[in-house]
């Protein structure tokens, strides 16, 4: 099978995408696949490059906007090229944190309360004061903790808000919940070993903790059975409600034994240090086996969606 590994892109997560792509290329089974790297530098590249490469299947290593938000998925569907992971709707919904939070809340899933501002006209320090400091300020779309800041007081609010707006048209402001950070990788509706995360140098799991060697302590966590059941249910409910397919990663903060869903990642990082491969390894899967499973499941999913033409 001729597989195109699509990476790079135009989002703030481009560097992470390149690392994910390279890791995938390293571990793809060459006895099963012909591997073609497809480096996306701008929007107009995608259709031309995919057509020129003549691929049978797209392995998406893209993160962030124009990659994880349903746009690339839609373009590939137009070209009739099957791809990994969730479809257009789930990708778009999960990328928009505010919309996904509204749906999750309606289904009874706990998620942090907060504000969504659509522009600097919404700037209102008094409303934030009512939430109570410290708070988290983050872009409504995007990932890898880029543009996310822990704000301790009103003096720090304006620069954090301006930075977040520099990365997107809407931002979220949420109370900082000091709890246990968890990530729940899911493959084919099955929750893999849950990983607990503790940053080595800051109060929360920021970009530096995620991608610097020694930036965080990450290990499979042992939770009391009742708590574990709650966490698994919150993750699976989120996955199903947003109509995710094949694989995703649900990030959760465990606060006073209650899981609060922070976000759902439909194309989670797959770098050498990423949490998804670590969880798969704890479940007895090598990186190569994980890729095989994602590819096979994605082909099955596209066949179900598109009919036998895949």
Protein backbone atom coordinates (compact mmCIF):
# COMPACT_ATOMS: atom_id res chain seq x y z
CA UNK A 1 0.00 0.00 0.00
CA UNK A 2 1.32 3.42 -0.98
CA UNK A 3 1.04 5.55 2.17
CA UNK A 4 1.57 9.30 2.26
CA UNK A 5 2.67 10.63 5.66
CA UNK A 6 1.22 14.15 5.72
CA UNK A 7 3.07 16.50 8.05
CA UNK A 8 4.13 20.09 8.60
CA UNK A 9 1.18 22.33 7.86
CA UNK A 10 0.55 25.97 8.66
CA UNK A 11 -0.55 25.90 12.30
CA UNK A 12 1.35 26.90 15.43
CA UNK A 13 1.94 23.16 15.98
CA UNK A 14 3.97 22.71 12.80
CA UNK A 15 7.18 21.66 14.62
CA UNK A 16 5.34 19.03 16.66
CA UNK A 17 3.73 17.76 13.44
CA UNK A 18 7.13 17.37 11.77
CA UNK A 19 8.37 15.33 14.74
CA UNK A 20 5.24 13.17 14.69
CA UNK A 21 5.68 12.60 10.94
CA UNK A 22 9.32 11.62 11.23
CA UNK A 23 8.56 9.18 14.04
CA UNK A 24 5.80 7.57 11.98
CA UNK A 25 8.09 7.26 8.95
CA UNK A 26 10.74 5.60 11.12
CA UNK A 27 8.34 2.97 12.45
CA UNK A 28 6.13 2.13 9.46
CA UNK A 29 6.57 -1.49 8.36
CA UNK A 30 8.38 -1.32 4.99
CA UNK A 31 7.37 -4.89 4.18
CA UNK A 32 3.73 -3.74 4.16
CA UNK A 33 3.85 -0.16 2.98
CA UNK A 34 5.58 2.08 0.46
CA UNK A 35 6.13 5.26 2.46
CA UNK A 36 6.00 8.72 0.86
CA UNK A 37 6.57 11.83 3.03
CA UNK A 38 4.25 14.69 2.07
CA UNK A 39 5.39 17.99 3.54
CA UNK A 40 2.67 20.66 3.63
CA UNK A 41 4.01 24.23 3.51
CA UNK A 42 0.81 26.07 2.56
CA UNK A 43 -2.86 25.30 1.95
CA UNK A 44 -2.51 25.13 -1.81
CA UNK A 45 0.10 22.34 -1.52
CA UNK A 46 -2.21 19.64 -0.32
CA UNK A 47 -4.30 18.64 -3.34
CA UNK A 48 -1.42 18.99 -5.82
CA UNK A 49 1.01 16.99 -3.68
CA UNK A 50 -1.47 14.21 -2.93
CA UNK A 51 -2.37 13.85 -6.60
CA UNK A 52 1.28 13.90 -7.71
CA UNK A 53 2.26 11.30 -5.09
CA UNK A 54 -0.44 8.90 -6.27
CA UNK A 55 -1.00 7.57 -2.75
CA UNK A 56 -3.55 4.95 -1.73
CA UNK A 57 -3.87 6.19 1.84
CA UNK A 58 -3.04 9.28 3.93
CA UNK A 59 -1.43 8.85 7.36
CA UNK A 60 -2.13 12.17 9.04
CA UNK A 61 0.69 13.53 11.19
CA UNK A 62 -0.79 17.03 11.11
CA UNK A 63 -1.78 18.93 14.26
CA UNK A 64 -3.82 22.07 14.80
CA UNK A 65 -5.70 24.14 12.26
CA UNK A 66 -5.72 22.94 8.66
CA UNK A 67 -4.90 19.41 9.66
CA UNK A 68 -6.82 18.45 12.76
CA UNK A 69 -9.92 20.62 12.23
CA UNK A 70 -11.68 18.71 9.45
CA UNK A 71 -10.46 20.81 6.51
CA UNK A 72 -7.77 18.38 5.33
CA UNK A 73 -10.13 15.46 6.00
CA UNK A 74 -12.72 17.12 3.74
CA UNK A 75 -10.16 17.70 0.98
CA UNK A 76 -9.05 14.05 1.12
CA UNK A 77 -12.66 12.88 0.97
CA UNK A 78 -13.16 14.99 -2.15
CA UNK A 79 -10.12 13.27 -3.69
CA UNK A 80 -11.37 9.85 -2.57
CA UNK A 81 -8.21 9.21 -0.50
CA UNK A 82 -8.87 7.31 2.77
CA UNK A 83 -7.12 8.81 5.81
CA UNK A 84 -6.42 8.06 9.47
CA UNK A 85 -8.60 8.96 12.39
CA UNK A 86 -11.86 10.80 12.80
CA UNK A 87 -14.03 12.23 10.05
CA UNK A 88 -14.80 15.85 9.19
CA UNK A 89 -17.47 16.52 11.83
CA UNK A 90 -15.65 14.99 14.82
CA UNK A 91 -12.40 16.69 13.82
CA UNK A 92 -14.08 20.08 13.55
CA UNK A 93 -16.08 19.74 16.78
CA UNK A 94 -13.15 18.51 18.87
CA UNK A 95 -10.92 21.30 17.58
CA UNK A 96 -13.38 23.89 18.85
CA UNK A 97 -13.01 23.60 22.62
CA UNK A 98 -16.00 25.81 23.44
CA UNK A 99 -18.42 23.91 21.18
CA UNK A 100 -17.22 20.53 22.42
CA UNK A 101 -17.54 21.72 26.05
CA UNK A 102 -21.16 22.77 25.44
CA UNK A 103 -21.97 19.31 24.07
CA UNK A 104 -20.13 17.53 26.88
CA UNK A 105 -21.89 19.58 29.57
CA UNK A 106 -25.27 18.84 27.98
CA UNK A 107 -24.46 15.11 28.24
CA UNK A 108 -23.55 15.42 31.92
CA UNK A 109 -19.77 15.26 31.47
CA UNK A 110 -17.86 17.51 33.90
CA UNK A 111 -15.73 20.16 32.20
CA UNK A 112 -14.29 23.37 33.71
CA UNK A 113 -16.64 26.36 33.77
CA UNK A 114 -15.39 29.54 32.21
CA UNK A 115 -15.68 32.33 29.67
CA UNK A 116 -15.34 32.40 25.90
CA UNK A 117 -14.27 35.73 24.41
CA UNK A 118 -14.58 36.39 20.68
CA UNK A 119 -12.35 39.46 20.57
CA UNK A 120 -10.74 42.21 22.64
CA UNK A 121 -14.13 43.96 22.80
CA UNK A 122 -15.12 41.22 25.26
CA UNK A 123 -12.22 42.05 27.58
CA UNK A 124 -13.69 42.40 31.07
CA UNK A 125 -11.39 41.97 34.08
CA UNK A 126 -14.33 42.17 36.50
CA UNK A 127 -15.96 39.04 35.08
CA UNK A 128 -12.64 37.23 35.41
CA UNK A 129 -12.36 38.43 39.01
CA UNK A 130 -15.70 36.72 39.69
CA UNK A 131 -14.27 33.43 38.39
CA UNK A 132 -11.43 33.82 40.88
CA UNK A 133 -7.68 33.73 40.27
CA UNK A 134 -5.61 31.83 39.33
CA UNK A 135 -7.06 31.16 35.88
CA UNK A 136 -6.00 29.49 32.65
CA UNK A 137 -6.11 31.51 29.42
CA UNK A 138 -5.94 29.56 26.16
CA UNK A 139 -6.88 29.78 22.47
CA UNK A 140 -10.21 28.12 21.67
CA UNK A 141 -8.53 26.13 18.91
CA UNK A 142 -5.03 24.66 18.83
CA UNK A 143 -3.08 22.31 21.03
CA UNK A 144 0.32 21.36 22.43
CA UNK A 145 -0.32 23.99 25.15
CA UNK A 146 0.82 26.71 22.73
CA UNK A 147 -0.49 30.10 23.88
CA UNK A 148 -1.83 28.62 27.14
CA UNK A 149 -0.93 30.60 30.26
CA UNK A 150 -1.52 30.34 33.99
CA UNK A 151 -2.55 33.81 35.16
CA UNK A 152 -2.26 34.64 38.86
CA UNK A 153 -3.76 38.16 38.96
CA UNK A 154 -5.30 40.98 36.93
CA UNK A 155 -1.90 42.47 36.14
CA UNK A 156 -1.00 39.31 34.17
CA UNK A 157 -4.39 39.06 32.46
CA UNK A 158 -4.08 41.51 29.55
CA UNK A 159 -0.77 40.21 28.09
CA UNK A 160 -2.00 36.61 28.37
CA UNK A 161 -5.26 37.47 26.61
CA UNK A 162 -3.44 39.37 23.86
CA UNK A 163 -1.06 36.46 23.28
CA UNK A 164 -3.92 33.96 23.08
CA UNK A 165 -5.81 36.17 20.61
CA UNK A 166 -2.66 36.27 18.49
CA UNK A 167 -3.16 32.53 17.90
CA UNK A 168 -6.90 32.41 17.26
CA UNK A 169 -10.15 34.32 16.89
CA UNK A 170 -11.59 33.15 20.22
CA UNK A 171 -10.11 32.38 23.63
CA UNK A 172 -11.20 30.49 26.73
CA UNK A 173 -10.72 31.62 30.32
CA UNK A 174 -11.17 28.89 32.92
CA UNK A 175 -10.51 28.59 36.66
CA UNK A 176 -7.23 26.83 37.36
CA UNK A 177 -8.10 23.48 38.92
CA UNK A 178 -5.18 22.09 40.88
CA UNK A 179 -5.59 18.35 40.53
CA UNK A 180 -4.05 15.28 38.92
CA UNK A 181 -3.52 15.64 35.16
CA UNK A 182 -4.50 12.52 33.25
CA UNK A 183 -4.52 11.54 29.62
CA UNK A 184 -6.72 8.75 28.27
CA UNK A 185 -5.68 7.33 24.89
CA UNK A 186 -8.49 5.48 23.09
CA UNK A 187 -8.17 3.08 20.15
CA UNK A 188 -11.29 1.59 18.54
CA UNK A 189 -13.37 2.53 21.55
CA UNK A 190 -10.95 0.87 23.98
CA UNK A 191 -9.28 2.95 26.70
CA UNK A 192 -5.56 2.18 26.83
CA UNK A 193 -3.60 2.51 30.10
CA UNK A 194 -4.26 5.94 31.61
CA UNK A 195 -1.18 8.10 32.13
CA UNK A 196 -0.73 10.53 35.01
CA UNK A 197 1.39 13.61 34.35
CA UNK A 198 3.41 15.84 36.65
CA UNK A 199 5.43 18.74 35.27
CA UNK A 200 9.01 18.87 36.51
CA UNK A 201 9.28 22.67 36.57
CA UNK A 202 5.82 24.28 36.58
CA UNK A 203 2.38 23.87 38.13
CA UNK A 204 0.84 22.44 34.98
CA UNK A 205 1.66 20.42 31.85
CA UNK A 206 2.84 23.23 29.54
CA UNK A 207 4.68 23.08 26.19
CA UNK A 208 8.10 22.88 27.85
CA UNK A 209 6.97 19.96 30.03
CA UNK A 210 5.50 18.17 27.02
CA UNK A 211 8.43 18.38 24.64
CA UNK A 212 11.65 18.88 26.60
CA UNK A 213 13.55 15.84 27.79
CA UNK A 214 12.91 15.49 31.51
CA UNK A 215 10.18 18.12 31.36
CA UNK A 216 7.61 15.93 33.06
CA UNK A 217 7.08 12.72 34.96
CA UNK A 218 4.65 10.58 32.96
CA UNK A 219 3.62 7.11 34.04
CA UNK A 220 0.68 4.73 34.01
CA UNK A 221 -1.35 5.75 37.03
CA UNK A 222 -3.03 3.47 39.54
CA UNK A 223 -6.41 4.86 40.58
CA UNK A 224 -8.98 3.49 43.05
CA UNK A 225 -11.48 1.30 41.13
CA UNK A 226 -14.41 3.72 41.52
CA UNK A 227 -12.32 6.70 40.39
CA UNK A 228 -10.84 4.72 37.49
CA UNK A 229 -14.35 3.82 36.34
CA UNK A 230 -15.40 7.48 36.44
CA UNK A 231 -12.35 8.56 34.43
CA UNK A 232 -12.87 5.83 31.81
CA UNK A 233 -16.56 6.68 31.48
CA UNK A 234 -15.82 10.40 31.08
CA UNK A 235 -13.23 9.67 28.37
CA UNK A 236 -15.40 7.19 26.45
CA UNK A 237 -18.52 9.36 26.68
CA UNK A 238 -16.54 12.29 25.26
CA UNK A 239 -15.09 10.12 22.47
CA UNK A 240 -18.50 8.78 21.45
CA UNK A 241 -20.42 12.02 21.87
CA UNK A 242 -18.08 13.94 19.57
CA UNK A 243 -18.27 11.00 17.12
CA UNK A 244 -14.54 10.28 17.19
CA UNK A 245 -13.35 7.30 15.18
CA UNK A 246 -10.29 5.00 15.23
CA UNK A 247 -8.24 6.83 17.88
CA UNK A 248 -8.14 9.94 20.04
CA UNK A 249 -6.74 11.17 23.33
CA UNK A 250 -8.94 12.68 26.04
CA UNK A 251 -7.19 15.02 28.49
CA UNK A 252 -8.67 15.17 31.98
CA UNK A 253 -7.99 16.90 35.27
CA UNK A 254 -8.94 14.81 38.30
CA UNK A 255 -10.17 17.33 40.85
CA UNK A 256 -11.49 16.10 44.22
CA UNK A 257 -11.99 12.61 42.72
CA UNK A 258 -14.16 14.00 39.90
CA UNK A 259 -12.83 13.86 36.31
CA UNK A 260 -13.15 17.13 34.38
CA UNK A 261 -12.60 16.78 30.63
CA UNK A 262 -10.29 19.51 29.30
CA UNK A 263 -10.27 18.56 25.61
CA UNK A 264 -10.39 15.76 23.06
CA UNK A 265 -7.49 15.41 20.61
CA UNK A 266 -8.45 13.67 17.36
CA UNK A 267 -4.86 13.58 16.05
CA UNK A 268 -2.80 13.25 19.24
CA UNK A 269 0.94 13.78 19.17
CA UNK A 270 2.96 10.73 18.14
CA UNK A 271 6.49 12.00 18.68
CA UNK A 272 9.13 9.86 20.42
CA UNK A 273 8.15 11.38 23.77
CA UNK A 274 4.38 11.57 23.22
CA UNK A 275 1.88 10.07 25.64
CA UNK A 276 -0.10 8.01 23.15
CA UNK A 277 2.79 5.70 22.13
CA UNK A 278 3.79 5.40 25.81
CA UNK A 279 0.31 4.25 26.73
CA UNK A 280 0.23 1.81 23.80
CA UNK A 281 3.58 0.39 24.94
CA UNK A 282 2.13 -0.13 28.43
CA UNK A 283 -0.69 -2.09 26.73
CA UNK A 284 1.91 -4.29 25.00
CA UNK A 285 1.84 -2.60 21.57
CA UNK A 286 4.96 -1.46 19.76
CA UNK A 287 4.82 1.81 17.82
CA UNK A 288 4.78 -0.20 14.57
CA UNK A 289 1.87 -2.33 15.79
CA UNK A 290 0.00 0.80 16.86
CA UNK A 291 0.40 2.28 13.37
CA UNK A 292 -0.75 -0.98 11.78
CA UNK A 293 -3.86 -0.96 13.94
CA UNK A 294 -4.63 2.70 13.22
CA UNK A 295 -4.24 2.14 9.45
CA UNK A 296 -6.36 -1.02 9.37
CA UNK A 297 -9.07 0.51 11.53
CA UNK A 298 -9.11 3.73 9.48
CA UNK A 299 -9.49 1.77 6.23
CA UNK A 300 -12.39 -0.14 7.77
CA UNK A 301 -13.98 3.11 8.98
CA UNK A 302 -13.72 4.84 5.59
CA UNK A 303 -15.16 1.74 3.90
CA UNK A 304 -18.13 1.89 6.30
CA UNK A 305 -18.60 5.60 5.59
CA UNK A 306 -17.99 5.64 1.85
CA UNK A 307 -19.09 2.16 0.81
CA UNK A 308 -16.97 -0.45 -0.97
CA UNK A 309 -15.22 2.08 -3.21
CA UNK A 310 -12.32 2.50 -0.77
